[in-house]
């Protein structure tokens, strides 16, 4: 699964749109985000880790790292 698919899946699960996300990211960061700018970053695979973490924070999700058992 790609970051693009992950973000779209989480938005769908929460019943939110990319436009809503852009507004929330703009408010959170103070930097202007649009639906197009987010879509372009996801399509080009140029989204920064900090931006992805901000999306998770806005949607109230976290990433959990677990060591694989051998």
N, C-alpha and C. Protein backbone atom coordinates (compact mmCIF):
# COMPACT_ATOMS: atom_id res chain seq x y z
N UNK A 1 0.84 -1.18 0.00
CA UNK A 1 0.00 0.00 0.00
C UNK A 1 0.89 1.24 0.00
N UNK A 2 0.47 2.26 -0.72
CA UNK A 2 1.24 3.51 -0.79
C UNK A 2 0.67 4.54 0.18
N UNK A 3 1.42 5.60 0.40
CA UNK A 3 0.96 6.69 1.26
C UNK A 3 -0.33 7.28 0.68
N UNK A 4 -0.38 7.41 -0.63
CA UNK A 4 -1.58 7.94 -1.29
C UNK A 4 -2.80 7.09 -0.95
N UNK A 5 -2.67 5.78 -1.09
CA UNK A 5 -3.77 4.88 -0.77
C UNK A 5 -4.13 4.94 0.71
N UNK A 6 -3.10 5.02 1.56
CA UNK A 6 -3.34 5.10 3.01
C UNK A 6 -4.15 6.35 3.37
N UNK A 7 -3.73 7.50 2.84
CA UNK A 7 -4.41 8.76 3.14
C UNK A 7 -5.85 8.71 2.63
N UNK A 8 -6.03 8.25 1.40
CA UNK A 8 -7.38 8.19 0.84
C UNK A 8 -8.27 7.23 1.63
N UNK A 9 -7.70 6.12 2.05
CA UNK A 9 -8.46 5.15 2.84
C UNK A 9 -8.86 5.74 4.19
N UNK A 10 -7.94 6.41 4.88
CA UNK A 10 -8.25 7.02 6.16
C UNK A 10 -9.31 8.12 6.02
N UNK A 11 -9.19 8.94 4.98
CA UNK A 11 -10.19 9.98 4.75
C UNK A 11 -11.57 9.37 4.52
N UNK A 12 -11.62 8.32 3.71
CA UNK A 12 -12.90 7.66 3.44
C UNK A 12 -13.48 7.05 4.70
N UNK A 13 -12.62 6.43 5.49
CA UNK A 13 -13.05 5.80 6.74
C UNK A 13 -13.66 6.83 7.69
N UNK A 14 -13.10 8.04 7.69
CA UNK A 14 -13.57 9.10 8.58
C UNK A 14 -14.64 9.98 7.94
N UNK A 15 -14.97 9.71 6.67
CA UNK A 15 -15.99 10.49 5.98
C UNK A 15 -15.55 11.92 5.70
N UNK A 16 -14.27 12.11 5.45
CA UNK A 16 -13.70 13.44 5.20
C UNK A 16 -13.21 13.53 3.77
N UNK A 17 -13.09 14.75 3.26
CA UNK A 17 -12.63 14.98 1.90
C UNK A 17 -11.22 15.56 1.89
N UNK A 18 -10.62 15.54 0.73
CA UNK A 18 -9.29 16.17 0.57
C UNK A 18 -9.38 17.68 0.79
N UNK A 19 -10.49 18.27 0.38
CA UNK A 19 -10.68 19.71 0.60
C UNK A 19 -10.73 20.01 2.09
N UNK A 20 -11.46 19.22 2.85
CA UNK A 20 -11.52 19.38 4.30
C UNK A 20 -10.12 19.24 4.90
N UNK A 21 -9.37 18.22 4.42
CA UNK A 21 -8.02 17.99 4.91
C UNK A 21 -7.13 19.19 4.64
N UNK A 22 -7.25 19.77 3.45
CA UNK A 22 -6.44 20.94 3.09
C UNK A 22 -6.70 22.10 4.05
N UNK A 23 -7.96 22.33 4.39
CA UNK A 23 -8.31 23.40 5.33
C UNK A 23 -7.69 23.11 6.71
N UNK A 24 -7.80 21.88 7.16
CA UNK A 24 -7.26 21.50 8.46
C UNK A 24 -5.73 21.63 8.49
N UNK A 25 -5.06 21.20 7.42
CA UNK A 25 -3.60 21.29 7.35
C UNK A 25 -3.14 22.75 7.34
N UNK A 26 -3.89 23.61 6.64
CA UNK A 26 -3.57 25.03 6.61
C UNK A 26 -3.68 25.62 8.01
N UNK A 27 -4.75 25.28 8.72
CA UNK A 27 -4.93 25.78 10.08
C UNK A 27 -3.85 25.26 11.02
N UNK A 28 -3.50 23.99 10.87
CA UNK A 28 -2.51 23.36 11.76
C UNK A 28 -1.11 23.93 11.55
N UNK A 29 -0.76 24.16 10.29
CA UNK A 29 0.62 24.54 9.97
C UNK A 29 0.84 26.03 9.74
N UNK A 30 -0.22 26.73 9.37
CA UNK A 30 -0.06 28.13 8.98
C UNK A 30 0.43 28.29 7.55
N UNK A 31 0.66 27.16 6.88
CA UNK A 31 1.10 27.13 5.48
C UNK A 31 -0.13 26.80 4.62
N UNK A 32 -0.24 27.42 3.45
CA UNK A 32 -1.40 27.22 2.58
C UNK A 32 -1.34 25.85 1.90
N UNK A 33 -2.38 25.05 2.16
CA UNK A 33 -2.55 23.77 1.48
C UNK A 33 -3.86 23.81 0.72
N UNK A 34 -3.87 23.19 -0.46
CA UNK A 34 -5.09 23.03 -1.24
C UNK A 34 -5.29 21.56 -1.54
N UNK A 35 -6.49 21.23 -1.95
CA UNK A 35 -6.76 19.85 -2.33
C UNK A 35 -5.79 19.42 -3.44
N UNK A 36 -5.56 20.31 -4.39
CA UNK A 36 -4.66 20.00 -5.50
C UNK A 36 -3.21 19.81 -5.04
N UNK A 37 -2.75 20.67 -4.13
CA UNK A 37 -1.36 20.54 -3.69
C UNK A 37 -1.14 19.23 -2.94
N UNK A 38 -2.12 18.82 -2.14
CA UNK A 38 -2.01 17.55 -1.42
C UNK A 38 -2.06 16.39 -2.42
N UNK A 39 -3.02 16.44 -3.34
CA UNK A 39 -3.15 15.38 -4.35
C UNK A 39 -1.88 15.24 -5.18
N UNK A 40 -1.30 16.38 -5.58
CA UNK A 40 -0.08 16.36 -6.37
C UNK A 40 1.08 15.73 -5.59
N UNK A 41 1.22 16.10 -4.31
CA UNK A 41 2.29 15.52 -3.49
C UNK A 41 2.11 14.00 -3.36
N UNK A 42 0.88 13.57 -3.18
CA UNK A 42 0.63 12.13 -3.06
C UNK A 42 0.90 11.41 -4.38
N UNK A 43 0.49 12.01 -5.49
CA UNK A 43 0.69 11.39 -6.81
C UNK A 43 2.17 11.32 -7.18
N UNK A 44 2.93 12.39 -6.85
CA UNK A 44 4.35 12.43 -7.19
C UNK A 44 5.23 11.76 -6.14
N UNK A 45 4.60 11.32 -5.04
CA UNK A 45 5.33 10.70 -3.93
C UNK A 45 6.37 11.66 -3.35
N UNK A 46 5.95 12.93 -3.17
CA UNK A 46 6.86 13.93 -2.63
C UNK A 46 6.38 14.49 -1.29
N UNK A 47 5.40 13.84 -0.69
CA UNK A 47 4.92 14.30 0.61
C UNK A 47 5.99 14.06 1.66
N UNK A 48 6.23 15.07 2.48
CA UNK A 48 7.23 14.94 3.52
C UNK A 48 6.66 14.15 4.69
N UNK A 49 7.56 13.51 5.42
CA UNK A 49 7.18 12.71 6.59
C UNK A 49 6.38 13.57 7.58
N UNK A 50 6.82 14.81 7.80
CA UNK A 50 6.14 15.70 8.74
C UNK A 50 4.71 16.00 8.29
N UNK A 51 4.51 16.12 6.99
CA UNK A 51 3.16 16.37 6.47
C UNK A 51 2.26 15.15 6.69
N UNK A 52 2.81 13.97 6.46
CA UNK A 52 2.04 12.74 6.69
C UNK A 52 1.69 12.61 8.17
N UNK A 53 2.64 12.93 9.04
CA UNK A 53 2.37 12.87 10.48
C UNK A 53 1.31 13.90 10.88
N UNK A 54 1.31 15.05 10.24
CA UNK A 54 0.28 16.05 10.50
C UNK A 54 -1.09 15.53 10.09
N UNK A 55 -1.17 14.86 8.96
CA UNK A 55 -2.43 14.27 8.50
C UNK A 55 -2.93 13.26 9.53
N UNK A 56 -2.03 12.41 10.00
CA UNK A 56 -2.42 11.42 11.01
C UNK A 56 -2.91 12.10 12.28
N UNK A 57 -2.24 13.17 12.68
CA UNK A 57 -2.65 13.92 13.89
C UNK A 57 -4.05 14.51 13.68
N UNK A 58 -4.28 15.11 12.54
CA UNK A 58 -5.58 15.72 12.24
C UNK A 58 -6.69 14.67 12.27
N UNK A 59 -6.39 13.49 11.74
CA UNK A 59 -7.39 12.41 11.69
C UNK A 59 -7.41 11.58 12.97
N UNK A 60 -6.54 11.91 13.92
CA UNK A 60 -6.44 11.23 15.22
C UNK A 60 -5.99 9.77 15.08
N UNK A 61 -4.93 9.58 14.29
CA UNK A 61 -4.30 8.27 14.14
C UNK A 61 -2.83 8.37 14.53
N UNK A 62 -2.23 7.24 14.83
CA UNK A 62 -0.80 7.17 15.11
C UNK A 62 -0.20 6.01 14.33
N UNK A 63 1.11 6.01 14.25
CA UNK A 63 1.84 4.88 13.68
C UNK A 63 2.50 4.14 14.84
N UNK A 64 2.42 2.84 14.82
CA UNK A 64 3.04 2.04 15.87
C UNK A 64 4.13 1.19 15.21
N UNK A 65 5.35 1.31 15.74
CA UNK A 65 6.46 0.51 15.24
C UNK A 65 6.61 -0.72 16.12
N UNK A 66 6.65 -1.88 15.51
CA UNK A 66 6.84 -3.12 16.24
C UNK A 66 7.95 -3.92 15.60
N UNK A 67 8.78 -4.50 16.44
CA UNK A 67 9.86 -5.35 15.94
C UNK A 67 9.27 -6.69 15.51
N UNK A 68 9.71 -7.17 14.37
CA UNK A 68 9.26 -8.47 13.88
C UNK A 68 9.83 -9.58 14.74
N UNK A 69 9.03 -10.58 14.97
CA UNK A 69 9.53 -11.76 15.68
C UNK A 69 10.21 -12.66 14.67
N UNK A 70 11.34 -13.24 15.07
CA UNK A 70 12.07 -14.11 14.14
C UNK A 70 11.85 -15.54 14.49
